[in-house]
Amino acid sequence: MSAYPDVTVSDLSDDAVVLDIREQDEWDRGHAPTAVHIPMSELPARVDELAPFLDRDEPLVITCRSGGRVQRVMPWLEQQGYEVANLAGGMRAWHAAGKPMETADGSAAEVP
């Protein structure tokens, strides 16, 4: 059981800002149009890019493919002062729900 809240895909608007921590090739194959992309491996070096999210009233929703990587980064982000939440089911759930997605080359989005 996670100590962090889960946010379901149905709780988010289509233009919700989420932090996508998947690798570049995963991102290129399909991502939410308004997502912020910082791969998990780059997060420590790029965390300052998240500064605009520090003062929001709602948590920063984080996603990966299915949730495993999110569980590893949430404690670290919390230590940096962020209120965080997990996108339940990750990008697989977002895709399955028919939410809008973009790809790097304009092809049909997929979340392998």
C-alpha atoms as a PDB file:
ATOM      1  CA  MET A   1       0.000   0.000   0.000  1.00  0.00           C
ATOM      2  CA  SER A   2       1.410   3.321  -1.065  1.00  0.00           C
ATOM      3  CA  ALA A   3       1.668   6.175   1.388  1.00  0.00           C
ATOM      4  CA  TYR A   4       0.820   8.497  -1.477  1.00  0.00           C
ATOM      5  CA  PRO A   5      -2.580   9.176  -3.002  1.00  0.00           C
ATOM      6  CA  ASP A   6      -3.689   7.623  -6.256  1.00  0.00           C
ATOM      7  CA  VAL A   7      -5.500   9.751  -8.808  1.00  0.00           C
ATOM      8  CA  THR A   8      -7.598   7.881 -11.349  1.00  0.00           C
ATOM      9  CA  VAL A   9      -7.625   8.752 -15.030  1.00  0.00           C
ATOM     10  CA  SER A  10     -11.312   9.658 -14.752  1.00  0.00           C
ATOM     11  CA  ASP A  11     -10.421  12.218 -12.043  1.00  0.00           C
ATOM     12  CA  LEU A  12      -8.181  14.148 -14.443  1.00  0.00           C
ATOM     13  CA  SER A  13      -9.224  16.463 -17.236  1.00  0.00           C
ATOM     14  CA  ASP A  14      -7.859  15.722 -20.701  1.00  0.00           C
ATOM     15  CA  ASP A  15      -5.549  18.738 -20.381  1.00  0.00           C
ATOM     16  CA  ALA A  16      -4.270  17.937 -16.887  1.00  0.00           C
ATOM     17  CA  VAL A  17      -0.566  18.515 -16.341  1.00  0.00           C
ATOM     18  CA  VAL A  18       1.156  15.315 -15.268  1.00  0.00           C
ATOM     19  CA  LEU A  19       4.842  14.525 -14.856  1.00  0.00           C
ATOM     20  CA  ASP A  20       5.751  11.653 -17.186  1.00  0.00           C
ATOM     21  CA  ILE A  21       8.964   9.959 -16.018  1.00  0.00           C
ATOM     22  CA  ARG A  22       9.183   7.320 -18.756  1.00  0.00           C
ATOM     23  CA  GLU A  23      12.198   7.035 -21.046  1.00  0.00           C
ATOM     24  CA  GLN A  24      12.391   9.018 -24.293  1.00  0.00           C
ATOM     25  CA  ASP A  25      11.435   6.079 -26.544  1.00  0.00           C
ATOM     26  CA  GLU A  26       8.320   5.404 -24.443  1.00  0.00           C
ATOM     27  CA  TRP A  27       7.383   9.107 -24.526  1.00  0.00           C
ATOM     28  CA  ASP A  28       7.841   9.242 -28.305  1.00  0.00           C
ATOM     29  CA  ARG A  29       5.405   6.342 -28.786  1.00  0.00           C
ATOM     30  CA  GLY A  30       2.592   8.089 -26.913  1.00  0.00           C
ATOM     31  CA  HIS A  31       2.096  10.694 -24.199  1.00  0.00           C
ATOM     32  CA  ALA A  32      -0.522  13.037 -22.808  1.00  0.00           C
ATOM     33  CA  PRO A  33      -0.412  16.317 -24.795  1.00  0.00           C
ATOM     34  CA  THR A  34       0.023  18.510 -21.705  1.00  0.00           C
ATOM     35  CA  ALA A  35       2.427  16.240 -19.827  1.00  0.00           C
ATOM     36  CA  VAL A  36       5.836  17.409 -18.640  1.00  0.00           C
ATOM     37  CA  HIS A  37       8.494  14.885 -19.664  1.00  0.00           C
ATOM     38  CA  ILE A  38      11.507  14.305 -17.449  1.00  0.00           C
ATOM     39  CA  PRO A  39      12.816  10.722 -17.528  1.00  0.00           C
ATOM     40  CA  MET A  40      13.320   9.208 -14.082  1.00  0.00           C
ATOM     41  CA  SER A  41      17.083   8.972 -14.638  1.00  0.00           C
ATOM     42  CA  GLU A  42      17.266  12.733 -15.353  1.00  0.00           C
ATOM     43  CA  LEU A  43      14.993  13.896 -12.549  1.00  0.00           C
ATOM     44  CA  PRO A  44      17.706  14.816  -9.998  1.00  0.00           C
ATOM     45  CA  ALA A  45      19.486  17.014 -12.550  1.00  0.00           C
ATOM     46  CA  ARG A  46      16.286  18.575 -13.912  1.00  0.00           C
ATOM     47  CA  VAL A  47      14.107  18.907 -10.805  1.00  0.00           C
ATOM     48  CA  ASP A  48      14.304  22.722 -11.037  1.00  0.00           C
ATOM     49  CA  GLU A  49      12.083  22.485 -14.127  1.00  0.00           C
ATOM     50  CA  LEU A  50       9.268  21.506 -11.767  1.00  0.00           C
ATOM     51  CA  ALA A  51       9.468  24.744  -9.728  1.00  0.00           C
ATOM     52  CA  PRO A  52       6.204  26.101 -11.220  1.00  0.00           C
ATOM     53  CA  PHE A  53       4.386  23.165  -9.604  1.00  0.00           C
ATOM     54  CA  LEU A  54       5.585  23.845  -6.043  1.00  0.00           C
ATOM     55  CA  ASP A  55       2.932  26.407  -5.150  1.00  0.00           C
ATOM     56  CA  ARG A  56      -0.119  24.679  -6.574  1.00  0.00           C
ATOM     57  CA  ASP A  57      -3.016  23.674  -4.362  1.00  0.00           C
ATOM     58  CA  GLU A  58      -3.204  20.193  -5.842  1.00  0.00           C
ATOM     59  CA  PRO A  59      -0.536  17.501  -5.913  1.00  0.00           C
ATOM     60  CA  LEU A  60       1.799  16.938  -8.840  1.00  0.00           C
ATOM     61  CA  VAL A  61       0.460  13.810 -10.537  1.00  0.00           C
ATOM     62  CA  ILE A  62       3.256  11.531 -11.700  1.00  0.00           C
ATOM     63  CA  THR A  63       3.011   8.784 -14.295  1.00  0.00           C
ATOM     64  CA  CYS A  64       5.086   6.089 -15.929  1.00  0.00           C
ATOM     65  CA  ARG A  65       3.956   3.034 -17.902  1.00  0.00           C
ATOM     66  CA  SER A  66       2.075   1.285 -15.098  1.00  0.00           C
ATOM     67  CA  GLY A  67       3.196   2.830 -11.779  1.00  0.00           C
ATOM     68  CA  GLY A  68       6.381   1.041 -10.672  1.00  0.00           C
ATOM     69  CA  ARG A  69       8.810   3.880 -11.330  1.00  0.00           C
ATOM     70  CA  VAL A  70       6.443   6.403  -9.795  1.00  0.00           C
ATOM     71  CA  GLN A  71       6.609   4.587  -6.463  1.00  0.00           C
ATOM     72  CA  ARG A  72      10.393   5.004  -6.501  1.00  0.00           C
ATOM     73  CA  VAL A  73      10.427   8.753  -7.257  1.00  0.00           C
ATOM     74  CA  MET A  74       7.565   9.977  -5.073  1.00  0.00           C
ATOM     75  CA  PRO A  75       9.518   9.811  -1.775  1.00  0.00           C
ATOM     76  CA  TRP A  76      12.406  11.741  -3.346  1.00  0.00           C
ATOM     77  CA  LEU A  77      10.135  14.410  -4.812  1.00  0.00           C
ATOM     78  CA  GLU A  78       8.369  14.760  -1.477  1.00  0.00           C
ATOM     79  CA  GLN A  79      11.751  15.398   0.156  1.00  0.00           C
ATOM     80  CA  GLN A  80      12.257  18.194  -2.398  1.00  0.00           C
ATOM     81  CA  GLY A  81       9.045  19.845  -1.164  1.00  0.00           C
ATOM     82  CA  TYR A  82       6.506  18.587  -3.706  1.00  0.00           C
ATOM     83  CA  GLU A  83       3.066  17.270  -2.876  1.00  0.00           C
ATOM     84  CA  VAL A  84       2.799  14.218  -5.114  1.00  0.00           C
ATOM     85  CA  ALA A  85       0.230  11.694  -6.302  1.00  0.00           C
ATOM     86  CA  ASN A  86       0.340   8.616  -8.519  1.00  0.00           C
ATOM     87  CA  LEU A  87      -1.683   8.316 -11.721  1.00  0.00           C
ATOM     88  CA  ALA A  88      -3.365   4.976 -10.987  1.00  0.00           C
ATOM     89  CA  GLY A  89      -2.587   2.524 -13.774  1.00  0.00           C
ATOM     90  CA  GLY A  90      -0.103   4.898 -15.389  1.00  0.00           C
ATOM     91  CA  MET A  91      -0.093   5.665 -19.091  1.00  0.00           C
ATOM     92  CA  ARG A  92      -1.588   2.251 -19.798  1.00  0.00           C
ATOM     93  CA  ALA A  93      -4.752   3.386 -17.991  1.00  0.00           C
ATOM     94  CA  TRP A  94      -4.673   6.810 -19.696  1.00  0.00           C
ATOM     95  CA  HIS A  95      -4.448   5.134 -23.121  1.00  0.00           C
ATOM     96  CA  ALA A  96      -7.087   2.505 -22.292  1.00  0.00           C
ATOM     97  CA  ALA A  97      -9.498   5.265 -21.222  1.00  0.00           C
ATOM     98  CA  GLY A  98      -9.214   6.873 -24.641  1.00  0.00           C
ATOM     99  CA  LYS A  99      -7.618  10.045 -23.318  1.00  0.00           C
ATOM    100  CA  PRO A 100      -5.861  12.243 -25.897  1.00  0.00           C
ATOM    101  CA  MET A 101      -2.308  11.258 -26.778  1.00  0.00           C
ATOM    102  CA  GLU A 102       0.430  12.550 -29.062  1.00  0.00           C
ATOM    103  CA  THR A 103       3.419  10.807 -30.615  1.00  0.00           C
ATOM    104  CA  ALA A 104       6.774  12.047 -31.870  1.00  0.00           C
ATOM    105  CA  ASP A 105       6.026  11.083 -35.483  1.00  0.00           C
ATOM    106  CA  GLY A 106       2.254  11.491 -35.672  1.00  0.00           C
ATOM    107  CA  SER A 107       1.590   7.747 -35.743  1.00  0.00           C
ATOM    108  CA  ALA A 108      -1.067   6.038 -33.649  1.00  0.00           C
ATOM    109  CA  ALA A 109      -0.176   6.234 -29.954  1.00  0.00           C
ATOM    110  CA  GLU A 110       0.740   3.098 -28.060  1.00  0.00           C
ATOM    111  CA  VAL A 111       1.839   2.233 -24.541  1.00  0.00           C
ATOM    112  CA  PRO A 112       3.667  -1.092 -24.842  1.00  0.00           C
END
